[in-house]
Structures are given as C-alpha cells and as structure tokens.
PDB file of N, CA and C in Angstrom:
ATOM      1  N   UNK A   1      53.982 137.892-160.199  1.00  0.00           N
ATOM      2  CA  UNK A   1      53.528 138.587-158.700  1.00  0.00           C
ATOM      3  C   UNK A   1      54.621 138.597-157.602  1.00  0.00           C
ATOM      4  N   UNK A   2      55.523 137.867-158.390  1.00  0.00           N
ATOM      5  CA  UNK A   2      56.624 137.998-157.136  1.00  0.00           C
ATOM      6  C   UNK A   2      57.523 138.878-157.885  1.00  0.00           C
ATOM      7  N   UNK A   3      57.991 138.863-158.947  1.00  0.00           N
ATOM      8  CA  UNK A   3      58.843 140.517-159.166  1.00  0.00           C
ATOM      9  C   UNK A   3      57.708 141.983-158.337  1.00  0.00           C
ATOM     10  N   UNK A   4      56.505 141.735-157.992  1.00  0.00           N
ATOM     11  CA  UNK A   4      55.478 143.103-157.822  1.00  0.00           C
ATOM     12  C   UNK A   4      55.615 142.963-156.189  1.00  0.00           C
ATOM     13  N   UNK A   5      55.698 141.522-155.513  1.00  0.00           N
ATOM     14  CA  UNK A   5      56.565 141.364-154.159  1.00  0.00           C
ATOM     15  C   UNK A   5      57.903 141.942-153.599  1.00  0.00           C
ATOM     16  N   UNK A   6      58.648 141.386-154.454  1.00  0.00           N
ATOM     17  CA  UNK A   6      59.748 141.848-153.869  1.00  0.00           C
ATOM     18  C   UNK A   6      59.813 143.262-154.252  1.00  0.00           C
ATOM     19  N   UNK A   7      59.353 144.205-155.239  1.00  0.00           N
ATOM     20  CA  UNK A   7      59.249 145.332-155.132  1.00  0.00           C
ATOM     21  C   UNK A   7      59.072 146.276-153.888  1.00  0.00           C
ATOM     22  N   UNK A   8      58.772 145.967-153.206  1.00  0.00           N
ATOM     23  CA  UNK A   8      57.992 146.193-152.054  1.00  0.00           C
ATOM     24  C   UNK A   8      58.433 145.568-150.724  1.00  0.00           C
ATOM     25  N   UNK A   9      59.283 144.652-150.665  1.00  0.00           N
ATOM     26  CA  UNK A   9      60.198 144.365-149.898  1.00  0.00           C
ATOM     27  C   UNK A   9      60.258 142.517-149.371  1.00  0.00           C
ATOM     28  N   UNK A  10      59.160 142.122-150.036  1.00  0.00           N
ATOM     29  CA  UNK A  10      59.304 140.651-149.884  1.00  0.00           C
ATOM     30  C   UNK A  10      59.784 139.753-150.625  1.00  0.00           C
ATOM     31  N   UNK A  11      59.907 138.721-149.871  1.00  0.00           N
ATOM     32  CA  UNK A  11      61.730 138.020-150.891  1.00  0.00           C
ATOM     33  C   UNK A  11      61.016 136.843-150.864  1.00  0.00           C
ATOM     34  N   UNK A  12      60.791 135.737-151.406  1.00  0.00           N
ATOM     35  CA  UNK A  12      61.072 134.307-152.869  1.00  0.00           C
ATOM     36  C   UNK A  12      61.166 133.474-150.780  1.00  0.00           C
ATOM     37  N   UNK A  13      60.317 133.084-150.893  1.00  0.00           N
ATOM     38  CA  UNK A  13      61.029 132.034-149.974  1.00  0.00           C
ATOM     39  C   UNK A  13      61.163 130.173-151.009  1.00  0.00           C
ATOM     40  N   UNK A  14      59.867 130.346-151.294  1.00  0.00           N
ATOM     41  CA  UNK A  14      59.340 129.369-152.912  1.00  0.00           C
ATOM     42  C   UNK A  14      58.312 129.441-153.489  1.00  0.00           C
ATOM     43  N   UNK A  15      58.995 128.761-154.165  1.00  0.00           N
ATOM     44  CA  UNK A  15      58.329 128.855-155.776  1.00  0.00           C
ATOM     45  C   UNK A  15      57.544 128.257-156.529  1.00  0.00           C
ATOM     46  N   UNK A  16      56.448 127.271-156.594  1.00  0.00           N
ATOM     47  CA  UNK A  16      56.370 125.999-157.100  1.00  0.00           C
ATOM     48  C   UNK A  16      54.870 125.742-158.038  1.00  0.00           C
ATOM     49  N   UNK A  17      54.625 124.419-158.368  1.00  0.00           N
ATOM     50  CA  UNK A  17      53.663 124.131-158.647  1.00  0.00           C
ATOM     51  C   UNK A  17      52.305 123.645-158.247  1.00  0.00           C
ATOM     52  N   UNK A  18      51.550 122.845-157.573  1.00  0.00           N
ATOM     53  CA  UNK A  18      50.893 122.315-157.657  1.00  0.00           C
ATOM     54  C   UNK A  18      50.184 121.726-158.357  1.00  0.00           C
ATOM     55  N   UNK A  19      50.434 120.609-158.459  1.00  0.00           N
ATOM     56  CA  UNK A  19      49.333 119.416-158.929  1.00  0.00           C
ATOM     57  C   UNK A  19      48.607 118.652-158.930  1.00  0.00           C
ATOM     58  N   UNK A  20      47.062 118.755-159.537  1.00  0.00           N
ATOM     59  CA  UNK A  20      45.650 118.518-158.644  1.00  0.00           C
ATOM     60  C   UNK A  20      45.118 117.061-159.737  1.00  0.00           C
ATOM     61  N   UNK A  21      45.613 115.890-160.131  1.00  0.00           N
ATOM     62  CA  UNK A  21      44.645 115.744-160.034  1.00  0.00           C
ATOM     63  C   UNK A  21      43.112 114.320-160.458  1.00  0.00           C
ATOM     64  N   UNK A  22      41.894 114.708-160.616  1.00  0.00           N
ATOM     65  CA  UNK A  22      40.318 114.295-160.419  1.00  0.00           C
ATOM     66  C   UNK A  22      40.559 114.366-160.882  1.00  0.00           C
ATOM     67  N   UNK A  23      38.831 113.716-160.415  1.00  0.00           N
ATOM     68  CA  UNK A  23      37.978 113.292-161.752  1.00  0.00           C
ATOM     69  C   UNK A  23      36.352 114.186-161.624  1.00  0.00           C
ATOM     70  N   UNK A  24      35.592 114.637-163.224  1.00  0.00           N
ATOM     71  CA  UNK A  24      34.814 115.965-163.116  1.00  0.00           C
ATOM     72  C   UNK A  24      33.806 114.935-164.150  1.00  0.00           C
ATOM     73  N   UNK A  25      33.052 114.646-164.354  1.00  0.00           N
ATOM     74  CA  UNK A  25      31.746 114.707-164.913  1.00  0.00           C
ATOM     75  C   UNK A  25      31.743 115.966-165.874  1.00  0.00           C
ATOM     76  N   UNK A  26      31.306 116.016-167.155  1.00  0.00           N
ATOM     77  CA  UNK A  26      31.490 116.749-168.053  1.00  0.00           C
ATOM     78  C   UNK A  26      30.293 117.758-167.400  1.00  0.00           C
ATOM     79  N   UNK A  27      28.652 117.122-167.612  1.00  0.00           N
ATOM     80  CA  UNK A  27      27.996 118.048-166.182  1.00  0.00           C
ATOM     81  C   UNK A  27      27.774 118.571-165.028  1.00  0.00           C
ATOM     82  N   UNK A  28      28.998 117.657-164.453  1.00  0.00           N
ATOM     83  CA  UNK A  28      29.173 118.517-163.233  1.00  0.00           C
ATOM     84  C   UNK A  28      29.587 119.955-163.459  1.00  0.00           C
ATOM     85  N   UNK A  29      30.689 119.532-164.380  1.00  0.00           N
ATOM     86  CA  UNK A  29      30.912 121.197-164.403  1.00  0.00           C
ATOM     87  C   UNK A  29      30.764 121.993-165.374  1.00  0.00           C
ATOM     88  N   UNK A  30      29.249 122.017-166.408  1.00  0.00           N
ATOM     89  CA  UNK A  30      28.164 122.486-166.660  1.00  0.00           C
ATOM     90  C   UNK A  30      27.008 123.161-165.640  1.00  0.00           C
ATOM     91  N   UNK A  31      27.612 122.344-164.009  1.00  0.00           N
ATOM     92  CA  UNK A  31      26.544 122.871-163.058  1.00  0.00           C
ATOM     93  C   UNK A  31      27.665 124.000-162.783  1.00  0.00           C
ATOM     94  N   UNK A  32      28.948 124.138-162.431  1.00  0.00           N
ATOM     95  CA  UNK A  32      29.471 124.442-161.134  1.00  0.00           C
ATOM     96  C   UNK A  32      29.880 125.957-162.400  1.00  0.00           C
ATOM     97  N   UNK A  33      29.830 126.036-163.905  1.00  0.00           N
ATOM     98  CA  UNK A  33      30.153 126.435-164.517  1.00  0.00           C
ATOM     99  C   UNK A  33      28.716 127.547-164.261  1.00  0.00           C
ATOM    100  N   UNK A  34      27.319 127.115-164.619  1.00  0.00           N
ATOM    101  CA  UNK A  34      26.166 127.605-164.234  1.00  0.00           C
ATOM    102  C   UNK A  34      26.363 128.503-162.980  1.00  0.00           C
ATOM    103  N   UNK A  35      26.224 127.809-161.998  1.00  0.00           N
ATOM    104  CA  UNK A  35      26.865 127.880-159.624  1.00  0.00           C
ATOM    105  C   UNK A  35      27.493 129.538-160.682  1.00  0.00           C
ATOM    106  N   UNK A  36      28.506 129.579-161.081  1.00  0.00           N
ATOM    107  CA  UNK A  36      29.754 130.768-161.592  1.00  0.00           C
ATOM    108  C   UNK A  36      30.564 130.396-160.776  1.00  0.00           C
ATOM    109  N   UNK A  37      30.768 129.096-160.241  1.00  0.00           N
ATOM    110  CA  UNK A  37      31.809 129.069-158.804  1.00  0.00           C
ATOM    111  C   UNK A  37      33.222 129.110-159.272  1.00  0.00           C
ATOM    112  N   UNK A  38      33.346 128.830-160.948  1.00  0.00           N
ATOM    113  CA  UNK A  38      34.628 129.381-160.850  1.00  0.00           C
ATOM    114  C   UNK A  38      34.787 130.790-160.725  1.00  0.00           C
ATOM    115  N   UNK A  39      35.800 131.326-160.561  1.00  0.00           N
ATOM    116  CA  UNK A  39      36.003 132.348-160.143  1.00  0.00           C
ATOM    117  C   UNK A  39      36.073 133.698-160.641  1.00  0.00           C
ATOM    118  N   UNK A  40      36.810 133.810-162.104  1.00  0.00           N
ATOM    119  CA  UNK A  40      36.450 133.965-162.734  1.00  0.00           C
ATOM    120  C   UNK A  40      35.575 134.576-163.999  1.00  0.00           C
ATOM    121  N   UNK A  41      34.173 133.786-163.370  1.00  0.00           N
ATOM    122  CA  UNK A  41      32.724 133.980-164.166  1.00  0.00           C
ATOM    123  C   UNK A  41      31.617 134.630-163.013  1.00  0.00           C
ATOM    124  N   UNK A  42      32.120 134.945-161.761  1.00  0.00           N
ATOM    125  CA  UNK A  42      31.467 135.643-161.290  1.00  0.00           C
ATOM    126  C   UNK A  42      31.142 137.232-161.539  1.00  0.00           C
ATOM    127  N   UNK A  43      31.730 137.949-162.227  1.00  0.00           N
ATOM    128  CA  UNK A  43      31.929 139.089-163.151  1.00  0.00           C
ATOM    129  C   UNK A  43      32.043 138.812-164.423  1.00  0.00           C
ATOM    130  N   UNK A  44      31.535 138.190-164.618  1.00  0.00           N
ATOM    131  CA  UNK A  44      31.269 137.867-166.414  1.00  0.00           C
ATOM    132  C   UNK A  44      30.047 138.774-166.534  1.00  0.00           C
ATOM    133  N   UNK A  45      30.007 139.597-167.595  1.00  0.00           N
ATOM    134  CA  UNK A  45      28.444 139.807-168.065  1.00  0.00           C
ATOM    135  C   UNK A  45      27.686 139.177-169.238  1.00  0.00           C
ATOM    136  N   UNK A  46      26.305 139.357-169.444  1.00  0.00           N
ATOM    137  CA  UNK A  46      25.206 138.886-170.240  1.00  0.00           C
ATOM    138  C   UNK A  46      25.716 139.087-171.507  1.00  0.00           C
ATOM    139  N   UNK A  47      26.450 139.838-171.840  1.00  0.00           N
ATOM    140  CA  UNK A  47      27.095 139.794-173.260  1.00  0.00           C
ATOM    141  C   UNK A  47      28.059 138.419-173.838  1.00  0.00           C
ATOM    142  N   UNK A  48      28.919 139.172-172.392  1.00  0.00           N
ATOM    143  CA  UNK A  48      29.952 137.614-172.357  1.00  0.00           C
ATOM    144  C   UNK A  48      29.598 136.364-172.540  1.00  0.00           C
ATOM    145  N   UNK A  49      28.588 136.015-171.525  1.00  0.00           N
ATOM    146  CA  UNK A  49      28.322 134.444-171.038  1.00  0.00           C
ATOM    147  C   UNK A  49      28.051 134.561-172.206  1.00  0.00           C
ATOM    148  N   UNK A  50      27.095 134.763-172.925  1.00  0.00           N
ATOM    149  CA  UNK A  50      25.988 133.946-174.277  1.00  0.00           C
ATOM    150  C   UNK A  50      27.345 134.087-175.458  1.00  0.00           C
ATOM    151  N   UNK A  51      28.291 135.016-175.677  1.00  0.00           N
ATOM    152  CA  UNK A  51      29.127 134.757-176.751  1.00  0.00           C
ATOM    153  C   UNK A  51      30.182 133.821-175.989  1.00  0.00           C
ATOM    154  N   UNK A  52      30.656 133.069-175.120  1.00  0.00           N
ATOM    155  CA  UNK A  52      31.842 132.677-174.696  1.00  0.00           C
ATOM    156  C   UNK A  52      31.769 131.525-174.183  1.00  0.00           C
ATOM    157  N   UNK A  53      30.790 132.046-173.037  1.00  0.00           N
ATOM    158  CA  UNK A  53      30.892 130.461-171.367  1.00  0.00           C
ATOM    159  C   UNK A  53      29.657 130.055-172.066  1.00  0.00           C
ATOM    160  N   UNK A  54      28.466 129.990-172.935  1.00  0.00           N
ATOM    161  CA  UNK A  54      27.692 129.038-173.016  1.00  0.00           C
ATOM    162  C   UNK A  54      28.161 128.187-174.222  1.00  0.00           C
ATOM    163  N   UNK A  55      28.554 128.882-175.440  1.00  0.00           N
ATOM    164  CA  UNK A  55      29.223 127.770-177.033  1.00  0.00           C
ATOM    165  C   UNK A  55      30.168 126.898-175.754  1.00  0.00           C
ATOM    166  N   UNK A  56      31.028 127.529-174.739  1.00  0.00           N
ATOM    167  CA  UNK A  56      31.430 125.933-173.959  1.00  0.00           C
ATOM    168  C   UNK A  56      30.368 125.017-173.210  1.00  0.00           C
ATOM    169  N   UNK A  57      30.095 125.637-172.904  1.00  0.00           N
ATOM    170  CA  UNK A  57      28.276 124.487-172.268  1.00  0.00           C
ATOM    171  C   UNK A  57      27.768 123.412-173.163  1.00  0.00           C
ATOM    172  N   UNK A  58      27.884 124.297-174.204  1.00  0.00           N
ATOM    173  CA  UNK A  58      27.615 123.472-175.314  1.00  0.00           C
ATOM    174  C   UNK A  58      28.240 122.430-175.418  1.00  0.00           C
ATOM    175  N   UNK A  59      29.161 122.526-176.376  1.00  0.00           N
ATOM    176  CA  UNK A  59      30.559 121.755-176.396  1.00  0.00           C
ATOM    177  C   UNK A  59      30.352 120.111-175.285  1.00  0.00           C
ATOM    178  N   UNK A  60      31.093 121.198-174.273  1.00  0.00           N
ATOM    179  CA  UNK A  60      30.282 120.254-173.279  1.00  0.00           C
ATOM    180  C   UNK A  60      28.831 119.100-172.895  1.00  0.00           C
ATOM    181  N   UNK A  61      28.166 119.574-173.551  1.00  0.00           N
ATOM    182  CA  UNK A  61      27.016 118.837-173.066  1.00  0.00           C
ATOM    183  C   UNK A  61      26.975 117.827-174.407  1.00  0.00           C
ATOM    184  N   UNK A  62      27.786 118.338-175.896  1.00  0.00           N
ATOM    185  CA  UNK A  62      27.531 117.385-176.816  1.00  0.00           C
ATOM    186  C   UNK A  62      28.731 116.538-176.735  1.00  0.00           C
ATOM    187  N   UNK A  63      29.582 115.316-175.732  1.00  0.00           N
ATOM    188  CA  UNK A  63      30.384 115.350-175.113  1.00  0.00           C
ATOM    189  C   UNK A  63      29.708 113.911-174.902  1.00  0.00           C
ATOM    190  N   UNK A  64      30.620 112.966-175.596  1.00  0.00           N
ATOM    191  CA  UNK A  64      29.793 111.057-175.463  1.00  0.00           C
ATOM    192  C   UNK A  64      29.564 110.289-173.967  1.00  0.00           C
ATOM    193  N   UNK A  65      28.468 110.649-173.808  1.00  0.00           N
ATOM    194  CA  UNK A  65      28.110 109.786-172.127  1.00  0.00           C
ATOM    195  C   UNK A  65      28.595 111.754-170.594  1.00  0.00           C
ATOM    196  N   UNK A  66      27.491 112.750-171.225  1.00  0.00           N
ATOM    197  CA  UNK A  66      28.437 114.278-170.375  1.00  0.00           C
ATOM    198  C   UNK A  66      27.789 113.437-168.836  1.00  0.00           C
ATOM    199  N   UNK A  67      27.668 111.960-168.368  1.00  0.00           N
ATOM    200  CA  UNK A  67      27.675 112.055-166.988  1.00  0.00           C
ATOM    201  C   UNK A  67      28.047 110.957-166.588  1.00  0.00           C
ATOM    202  N   UNK A  68      29.034 110.773-167.221  1.00  0.00           N
ATOM    203  CA  UNK A  68      30.601 109.961-167.117  1.00  0.00           C
ATOM    204  C   UNK A  68      32.176 110.630-166.549  1.00  0.00           C
ATOM    205  N   UNK A  69      32.582 109.853-165.322  1.00  0.00           N
ATOM    206  CA  UNK A  69      33.609 110.884-165.290  1.00  0.00           C
ATOM    207  C   UNK A  69      34.784 110.886-165.707  1.00  0.00           C
ATOM    208  N   UNK A  70      35.407 111.990-166.384  1.00  0.00           N
ATOM    209  CA  UNK A  70      36.939 111.780-166.658  1.00  0.00           C
ATOM    210  C   UNK A  70      38.326 112.225-165.713  1.00  0.00           C
ATOM    211  N   UNK A  71      39.782 111.328-165.879  1.00  0.00           N
ATOM    212  CA  UNK A  71      40.650 112.531-165.305  1.00  0.00           C
ATOM    213  C   UNK A  71      40.231 113.810-166.258  1.00  0.00           C
ATOM    214  N   UNK A  72      40.938 115.167-164.966  1.00  0.00           N
ATOM    215  CA  UNK A  72      41.894 116.075-165.277  1.00  0.00           C
ATOM    216  C   UNK A  72      42.428 115.937-164.331  1.00  0.00           C
ATOM    217  N   UNK A  73      43.392 117.395-164.649  1.00  0.00           N
ATOM    218  CA  UNK A  73      43.836 117.619-164.209  1.00  0.00           C
ATOM    219  C   UNK A  73      44.240 119.055-163.643  1.00  0.00           C
ATOM    220  N   UNK A  74      44.317 119.862-163.112  1.00  0.00           N
ATOM    221  CA  UNK A  74      44.703 121.256-162.495  1.00  0.00           C
ATOM    222  C   UNK A  74      45.904 121.168-161.967  1.00  0.00           C
ATOM    223  N   UNK A  75      46.956 122.328-162.053  1.00  0.00           N
ATOM    224  CA  UNK A  75      48.094 123.076-161.966  1.00  0.00           C
ATOM    225  C   UNK A  75      47.200 124.394-161.395  1.00  0.00           C
ATOM    226  N   UNK A  76      48.160 124.402-160.568  1.00  0.00           N
ATOM    227  CA  UNK A  76      48.474 125.851-159.799  1.00  0.00           C
ATOM    228  C   UNK A  76      49.684 126.392-158.982  1.00  0.00           C
ATOM    229  N   UNK A  77      50.305 127.173-159.648  1.00  0.00           N
ATOM    230  CA  UNK A  77      50.753 128.322-159.801  1.00  0.00           C
ATOM    231  C   UNK A  77      51.393 128.977-158.566  1.00  0.00           C
ATOM    232  N   UNK A  78      52.522 128.895-157.526  1.00  0.00           N
ATOM    233  CA  UNK A  78      51.660 129.788-156.171  1.00  0.00           C
ATOM    234  C   UNK A  78      53.506 129.912-155.734  1.00  0.00           C
ATOM    235  N   UNK A  79      53.607 130.888-154.755  1.00  0.00           N
ATOM    236  CA  UNK A  79      54.652 132.275-153.897  1.00  0.00           C
ATOM    237  C   UNK A  79      54.913 132.242-152.979  1.00  0.00           C
ATOM    238  N   UNK A  80      55.213 131.893-151.966  1.00  0.00           N
ATOM    239  CA  UNK A  80      55.679 131.669-150.708  1.00  0.00           C
ATOM    240  C   UNK A  80      56.397 132.627-150.151  1.00  0.00           C
ATOM    241  N   UNK A  81      56.067 133.515-149.942  1.00  0.00           N
ATOM    242  CA  UNK A  81      57.151 135.202-149.578  1.00  0.00           C
ATOM    243  C   UNK A  81      57.048 135.120-147.849  1.00  0.00           C
ATOM    244  N   UNK A  82      58.097 136.068-147.711  1.00  0.00           N
ATOM    245  CA  UNK A  82      58.112 136.912-146.904  1.00  0.00           C
ATOM    246  C   UNK A  82      58.764 138.317-146.368  1.00  0.00           C
ATOM    247  N   UNK A  83      58.232 138.475-145.733  1.00  0.00           N
ATOM    248  CA  UNK A  83      58.994 139.973-145.487  1.00  0.00           C
ATOM    249  C   UNK A  83      60.710 140.062-144.228  1.00  0.00           C
ATOM    250  N   UNK A  84      61.503 139.737-144.628  1.00  0.00           N
ATOM    251  CA  UNK A  84      62.235 140.294-143.412  1.00  0.00           C
ATOM    252  C   UNK A  84      62.721 141.192-142.956  1.00  0.00           C
TER     253      UNK A  84
END
C-alpha cells in the first residue's frame, strides 16, 4: 500500500503495527462469523461459505468448552501518510 501511495505523491510519516490483546469465546467468534461481522466475509458466496467457512465453524464448535473465553491477539499493520 505504501509504495502505491508514494507513487501518487504521498510520504509515509509513520509505519507500524498495532497489537490488540483480548479474550473471546469460540461461540462468540462463531456468531460474528455467522453475522459476517468480519469485513472479509461480507462478499463470500454460498459455495465458498460451505466449502471454506462452514468447516471452520465446525472446528470452533468442536473445541472443548466453546463458551470459555480464550486469550486472543490481533495484529494490525498501519501507515500514516501525508501529501506534502
């Protein structure tokens, strides 16, 4: 993304990564998947849902005690750009 921004005149001011620690229940993750709360799931077609997403939901349900919270961590890369 940065190289594309630079190609149209933007200059990176800061590039980094934000780490977010949180707790989530597998059943909570399943609900967010079903609700398509994760942006990358919004446009998933039915065939892909059944062949890719549904098995993940099944795996989450088979975890021991899917209502118990687990430690999770998300990493988000970011870039702050400015146009001089």
